[in-house]
PDB file of N, CA and C in Angstrom:
ATOM      1  N   MET A   1     186.843 108.729  58.319  1.00  0.00           N
ATOM      2  CA  MET A   1     186.471 109.100  59.381  1.00  0.00           C
ATOM      3  C   MET A   1     185.120 108.325  60.052  1.00  0.00           C
ATOM      4  N   LEU A   2     184.356 107.586  59.578  1.00  0.00           N
ATOM      5  CA  LEU A   2     183.431 106.660  60.201  1.00  0.00           C
ATOM      6  C   LEU A   2     184.179 105.579  60.653  1.00  0.00           C
ATOM      7  N   SER A   3     184.926 104.677  59.926  1.00  0.00           N
ATOM      8  CA  SER A   3     185.999 103.743  60.384  1.00  0.00           C
ATOM      9  C   SER A   3     186.895 104.090  61.673  1.00  0.00           C
ATOM     10  N   MET A   4     187.336 105.161  61.481  1.00  0.00           N
ATOM     11  CA  MET A   4     188.196 105.751  62.990  1.00  0.00           C
ATOM     12  C   MET A   4     186.831 105.791  64.297  1.00  0.00           C
ATOM     13  N   ILE A   5     185.907 106.429  63.980  1.00  0.00           N
ATOM     14  CA  ILE A   5     184.845 106.440  65.189  1.00  0.00           C
ATOM     15  C   ILE A   5     184.633 105.159  65.578  1.00  0.00           C
ATOM     16  N   PHE A   6     183.796 104.278  64.700  1.00  0.00           N
ATOM     17  CA  PHE A   6     183.788 102.878  64.803  1.00  0.00           C
ATOM     18  C   PHE A   6     184.791 102.021  65.329  1.00  0.00           C
ATOM     19  N   GLY A   7     186.040 102.170  65.090  1.00  0.00           N
ATOM     20  CA  GLY A   7     187.470 101.166  65.779  1.00  0.00           C
ATOM     21  C   GLY A   7     187.481 101.627  67.098  1.00  0.00           C
ATOM     22  N   ASP A   8     187.032 102.624  67.584  1.00  0.00           N
ATOM     23  CA  ASP A   8     187.123 103.106  69.185  1.00  0.00           C
ATOM     24  C   ASP A   8     186.301 102.202  69.893  1.00  0.00           C
ATOM     25  N   ALA A   9     187.098 101.561  70.938  1.00  0.00           N
ATOM     26  CA  ALA A   9     186.217 101.108  72.152  1.00  0.00           C
ATOM     27  C   ALA A   9     185.261 101.595  72.581  1.00  0.00           C
ATOM     28  N   VAL A  10     185.650 102.906  72.842  1.00  0.00           N
ATOM     29  CA  VAL A  10     184.604 103.670  74.002  1.00  0.00           C
ATOM     30  C   VAL A  10     183.492 103.754  73.061  1.00  0.00           C
ATOM     31  N   VAL A  11     183.243 103.896  71.842  1.00  0.00           N
ATOM     32  CA  VAL A  11     182.268 104.214  71.216  1.00  0.00           C
ATOM     33  C   VAL A  11     181.190 103.056  71.303  1.00  0.00           C
ATOM     34  N   TRP A  12     182.105 101.379  71.098  1.00  0.00           N
ATOM     35  CA  TRP A  12     181.190 100.311  71.302  1.00  0.00           C
ATOM     36  C   TRP A  12     180.875 100.038  72.350  1.00  0.00           C
ATOM     37  N   GLY A  13     181.233 100.648  73.533  1.00  0.00           N
ATOM     38  CA  GLY A  13     181.070 100.502  74.787  1.00  0.00           C
ATOM     39  C   GLY A  13     179.591 101.413  75.241  1.00  0.00           C
ATOM     40  N   SER A  14     179.942 102.647  74.618  1.00  0.00           N
ATOM     41  CA  SER A  14     178.641 103.433  74.970  1.00  0.00           C
ATOM     42  C   SER A  14     177.294 103.096  74.021  1.00  0.00           C
ATOM     43  N   LEU A  15     177.734 102.578  73.008  1.00  0.00           N
ATOM     44  CA  LEU A  15     176.650 102.161  72.132  1.00  0.00           C
ATOM     45  C   LEU A  15     175.875 100.700  72.655  1.00  0.00           C
ATOM     46  N   LEU A  16     176.798  99.865  73.181  1.00  0.00           N
ATOM     47  CA  LEU A  16     176.302  98.687  73.960  1.00  0.00           C
ATOM     48  C   LEU A  16     175.679  99.117  75.424  1.00  0.00           C
ATOM     49  N   GLY A  17     176.143  99.957  75.614  1.00  0.00           N
ATOM     50  CA  GLY A  17     175.408 100.636  77.174  1.00  0.00           C
ATOM     51  C   GLY A  17     173.931 101.006  76.594  1.00  0.00           C
ATOM     52  N   ILE A  18     173.830 101.709  75.720  1.00  0.00           N
ATOM     53  CA  ILE A  18     172.750 102.244  75.420  1.00  0.00           C
ATOM     54  C   ILE A  18     171.730 101.208  74.826  1.00  0.00           C
ATOM     55  N   LEU A  19     172.107 100.247  74.101  1.00  0.00           N
ATOM     56  CA  LEU A  19     171.473  99.324  73.722  1.00  0.00           C
ATOM     57  C   LEU A  19     170.913  98.630  74.691  1.00  0.00           C
ATOM     58  N   VAL A  20     171.813  98.084  75.758  1.00  0.00           N
ATOM     59  CA  VAL A  20     171.411  97.587  77.156  1.00  0.00           C
ATOM     60  C   VAL A  20     170.168  98.518  77.785  1.00  0.00           C
ATOM     61  N   MET A  21     170.245  99.562  77.878  1.00  0.00           N
ATOM     62  CA  MET A  21     169.276 100.256  78.621  1.00  0.00           C
ATOM     63  C   MET A  21     168.070 100.307  78.019  1.00  0.00           C
ATOM     64  N   LEU A  22     168.217 100.026  76.273  1.00  0.00           N
ATOM     65  CA  LEU A  22     166.772 100.228  75.627  1.00  0.00           C
ATOM     66  C   LEU A  22     166.239  98.776  75.639  1.00  0.00           C
ATOM     67  N   VAL A  23     167.138  97.769  75.600  1.00  0.00           N
ATOM     68  CA  VAL A  23     166.266  96.351  76.124  1.00  0.00           C
ATOM     69  C   VAL A  23     165.856  96.312  77.381  1.00  0.00           C
ATOM     70  N   MET A  24     166.528  96.866  78.372  1.00  0.00           N
ATOM     71  CA  MET A  24     165.928  96.470  79.879  1.00  0.00           C
ATOM     72  C   MET A  24     164.503  97.410  80.088  1.00  0.00           C
ATOM     73  N   SER A  25     164.452  98.811  79.308  1.00  0.00           N
ATOM     74  CA  SER A  25     163.264  99.345  79.349  1.00  0.00           C
ATOM     75  C   SER A  25     162.254  99.003  78.832  1.00  0.00           C
ATOM     76  N   ALA A  26     162.406  98.169  77.441  1.00  0.00           N
ATOM     77  CA  ALA A  26     161.208  97.555  76.722  1.00  0.00           C
ATOM     78  C   ALA A  26     160.916  96.382  77.491  1.00  0.00           C
ATOM     79  N   TYR A  27     161.862  95.805  78.331  1.00  0.00           N
ATOM     80  CA  TYR A  27     161.450  94.407  78.977  1.00  0.00           C
ATOM     81  C   TYR A  27     160.656  94.940  80.144  1.00  0.00           C
ATOM     82  N   PHE A  28     161.085  96.038  80.758  1.00  0.00           N
ATOM     83  CA  PHE A  28     160.169  96.106  82.051  1.00  0.00           C
ATOM     84  C   PHE A  28     158.839  96.863  81.776  1.00  0.00           C
ATOM     85  N   THR A  29     158.974  97.471  80.473  1.00  0.00           N
ATOM     86  CA  THR A  29     157.560  97.894  80.222  1.00  0.00           C
ATOM     87  C   THR A  29     156.510  96.955  79.674  1.00  0.00           C
ATOM     88  N   TYR A  30     157.197  95.998  79.019  1.00  0.00           N
ATOM     89  CA  TYR A  30     156.328  94.495  78.594  1.00  0.00           C
ATOM     90  C   TYR A  30     156.189  94.071  79.936  1.00  0.00           C
ATOM     91  N   LEU A  31     156.702  93.978  81.048  1.00  0.00           N
ATOM     92  CA  LEU A  31     156.660  93.182  82.209  1.00  0.00           C
ATOM     93  C   LEU A  31     155.149  94.070  82.832  1.00  0.00           C
ATOM     94  N   PHE A  32     155.362  95.342  82.957  1.00  0.00           N
ATOM     95  CA  PHE A  32     154.221  96.183  83.699  1.00  0.00           C
ATOM     96  C   PHE A  32     153.039  96.297  82.780  1.00  0.00           C
ATOM     97  N   ILE A  33     153.115  96.019  81.417  1.00  0.00           N
ATOM     98  CA  ILE A  33     151.979  96.162  80.567  1.00  0.00           C
ATOM     99  C   ILE A  33     151.409  94.891  81.055  1.00  0.00           C
ATOM    100  N   HIS A  34     152.039  93.587  81.024  1.00  0.00           N
ATOM    101  CA  HIS A  34     151.690  92.052  81.206  1.00  0.00           C
ATOM    102  C   HIS A  34     150.798  91.994  82.410  1.00  0.00           C
ATOM    103  N   ASN A  35     151.624  92.654  83.339  1.00  0.00           N
ATOM    104  CA  ASN A  35     151.237  92.415  84.876  1.00  0.00           C
ATOM    105  C   ASN A  35     149.697  93.402  85.436  1.00  0.00           C
ATOM    106  N   SER A  36     149.583  94.409  84.596  1.00  0.00           N
ATOM    107  CA  SER A  36     148.713  95.237  84.912  1.00  0.00           C
ATOM    108  C   SER A  36     147.461  94.553  84.104  1.00  0.00           C
ATOM    109  N   SER A  37     147.714  93.990  83.091  1.00  0.00           N
ATOM    110  CA  SER A  37     146.141  93.359  82.738  1.00  0.00           C
ATOM    111  C   SER A  37     145.301  92.555  83.816  1.00  0.00           C
ATOM    112  N   PRO A  38     144.061  92.143  83.574  1.00  0.00           N
ATOM    113  CA  PRO A  38     143.422  91.249  84.366  1.00  0.00           C
ATOM    114  C   PRO A  38     144.177  89.986  84.496  1.00  0.00           C
ATOM    115  N   ASP A  39     143.983  89.240  85.565  1.00  0.00           N
ATOM    116  CA  ASP A  39     144.512  88.000  86.046  1.00  0.00           C
ATOM    117  C   ASP A  39     143.848  86.931  85.398  1.00  0.00           C
ATOM    118  N   GLU A  40     143.963  86.814  84.104  1.00  0.00           N
ATOM    119  CA  GLU A  40     143.502  85.678  83.381  1.00  0.00           C
ATOM    120  C   GLU A  40     144.376  84.295  82.952  1.00  0.00           C
ATOM    121  N   HIS A  41     145.746  84.806  83.752  1.00  0.00           N
ATOM    122  CA  HIS A  41     146.690  83.923  83.408  1.00  0.00           C
ATOM    123  C   HIS A  41     147.143  82.959  84.263  1.00  0.00           C
ATOM    124  N   LYS A  42     146.790  83.688  85.786  1.00  0.00           N
ATOM    125  CA  LYS A  42     147.223  83.235  86.890  1.00  0.00           C
ATOM    126  C   LYS A  42     146.434  82.030  87.430  1.00  0.00           C
TER     127      LYS A  42
END
């Protein structure tokens, strides 16, 4: 059953999409936190 699910390209596409969304949201959250801190690095 699992090999059938993970052998499907649609599953890998959706997993990749979810992973990309998570990475992008984490990156933008980091940017927002980093840029909203006091300007000591500029």
